[in-house]
Amino acid sequence: MSKILYFRECEHPAGFVFRFVNMSDGLEVAAYDIFSVFFPQYKTFREFSDCIAYGEYQERSVYVNGKSRTVTTFPATTVHQLLKSSPVEFAGGFMAWVRKSVLKPNFSK
């Protein structure tokens, strides 16, 4: 039986909400959040995943809206690599925001 995780939602100053899970080997971000905000040129997540060689990803069991669902997540290192090819203006500062506003206040031990 796999462990069921819970997302921590954090709002970016640009007005978007990103969902994070803290794993023993690092922070992971919901892949759909990255796709929908940073890669608007793709119409569907399937198109995004077919066109982008996004490397490492995980399938996690996450509790969402009262139900357990399987969700694709990206480790922070993969997100960092993906954002280099994003056309969105604030992509360059996203990981700095994650470290300062998400990781330290929400997941530091």
Protein backbone atom coordinates (compact mmCIF):
# COMPACT_ATOMS: atom_id res chain seq x y z
CA MET A 1 0.00 0.00 0.00
CA SER A 2 1.40 3.39 -0.94
CA LYS A 3 1.45 6.37 1.36
CA ILE A 4 -1.25 8.98 0.68
CA LEU A 5 0.17 12.50 0.61
CA TYR A 6 -1.38 15.94 1.02
CA PHE A 7 -0.63 18.94 -1.14
CA ARG A 8 0.42 22.24 0.37
CA GLU A 9 -1.02 25.04 -1.76
CA CYS A 10 0.94 28.27 -2.09
CA GLU A 11 -0.08 31.35 -4.06
CA HIS A 12 2.54 32.95 -6.28
CA PRO A 13 2.62 36.79 -6.41
CA ALA A 14 1.46 36.54 -10.05
CA GLY A 15 -1.83 35.12 -8.72
CA PHE A 16 -1.35 31.44 -9.55
CA VAL A 17 -1.69 28.66 -6.98
CA PHE A 18 0.92 25.91 -7.03
CA ARG A 19 0.64 22.60 -5.16
CA PHE A 20 3.65 21.04 -3.46
CA VAL A 21 4.45 17.81 -1.63
CA ASN A 22 7.50 17.37 0.56
CA MET A 23 9.21 14.05 -0.08
CA SER A 24 12.21 12.65 1.75
CA ASP A 25 14.42 13.38 -1.27
CA GLY A 26 13.08 16.90 -1.88
CA LEU A 27 10.18 19.13 -2.80
CA GLU A 28 7.90 18.14 -5.69
CA VAL A 29 5.45 20.31 -7.64
CA ALA A 30 2.22 19.15 -9.29
CA ALA A 31 3.08 18.71 -12.96
CA TYR A 32 -0.30 20.04 -14.09
CA ASP A 33 0.40 23.36 -12.32
CA ILE A 34 3.72 23.74 -14.14
CA PHE A 35 2.13 22.82 -17.47
CA SER A 36 -0.89 25.11 -17.17
CA VAL A 37 1.01 28.20 -16.01
CA PHE A 38 4.38 28.01 -17.74
CA PHE A 39 3.54 26.27 -21.02
CA PRO A 40 0.28 27.83 -22.29
CA GLN A 41 1.18 27.00 -25.88
CA TYR A 42 0.13 23.38 -25.25
CA LYS A 43 -3.60 22.69 -25.25
CA THR A 44 -3.53 19.50 -23.15
CA PHE A 45 -1.24 17.88 -20.61
CA ARG A 46 -0.83 14.93 -23.00
CA GLU A 47 0.43 17.28 -25.75
CA PHE A 48 2.81 18.88 -23.25
CA SER A 49 4.17 15.54 -22.06
CA ASP A 50 4.58 14.30 -25.65
CA CYS A 51 6.45 17.44 -26.78
CA ILE A 52 8.65 18.13 -23.76
CA ALA A 53 11.35 15.71 -22.71
CA TYR A 54 10.70 16.50 -19.08
CA GLY A 55 12.90 13.85 -17.59
CA GLU A 56 12.19 12.74 -14.08
CA TYR A 57 8.64 12.66 -12.78
CA GLN A 58 6.68 10.67 -10.21
CA GLU A 59 3.17 9.33 -9.87
CA ARG A 60 1.99 10.08 -6.31
CA SER A 61 -1.17 9.19 -4.41
CA VAL A 62 -2.44 12.52 -3.14
CA TYR A 63 -5.57 13.35 -1.16
CA VAL A 64 -7.50 15.95 -3.19
CA ASN A 65 -11.04 17.18 -2.48
CA GLY A 66 -11.80 14.29 -0.16
CA LYS A 67 -10.54 11.57 -2.51
CA SER A 68 -7.25 9.82 -3.15
CA ARG A 69 -6.00 10.52 -6.67
CA THR A 70 -2.89 9.66 -8.61
CA VAL A 71 -1.09 12.86 -9.57
CA THR A 72 2.07 13.42 -11.60
CA THR A 73 4.69 15.51 -9.82
CA PHE A 74 8.02 16.97 -10.86
CA PRO A 75 11.01 17.20 -8.51
CA ALA A 76 12.34 20.74 -8.10
CA THR A 77 15.42 19.91 -10.21
CA THR A 78 13.22 18.92 -13.17
CA VAL A 79 11.13 22.08 -12.78
CA HIS A 80 14.31 24.15 -12.86
CA GLN A 81 15.32 22.55 -16.19
CA LEU A 82 11.83 22.86 -17.69
CA LEU A 83 11.50 26.55 -16.89
CA LYS A 84 14.53 27.37 -19.03
CA SER A 85 12.32 26.80 -22.09
CA SER A 86 9.17 28.53 -20.80
CA PRO A 87 7.91 31.64 -22.60
CA VAL A 88 6.31 33.00 -19.40
CA GLU A 89 7.95 36.15 -18.05
CA PHE A 90 8.21 35.20 -14.35
CA ALA A 91 9.56 31.67 -15.01
CA GLY A 92 13.13 32.76 -14.30
CA GLY A 93 12.36 33.78 -10.73
CA PHE A 94 10.05 30.88 -9.92
CA MET A 95 12.60 28.66 -8.19
CA ALA A 96 13.87 31.58 -6.08
CA TRP A 97 10.26 32.16 -4.97
CA VAL A 98 9.92 28.44 -4.16
CA ARG A 99 13.05 28.50 -1.97
CA LYS A 100 12.15 31.75 -0.19
CA SER A 101 8.36 31.61 0.11
CA VAL A 102 7.49 27.92 -0.04
CA LEU A 103 10.32 25.71 1.13
CA LYS A 104 11.62 27.71 4.11
CA PRO A 105 8.32 28.70 5.76
CA ASN A 106 6.33 25.58 4.94
CA PHE A 107 8.68 22.62 4.81
CA SER A 108 11.78 23.46 6.87
CA LYS A 109 12.31 21.23 9.85
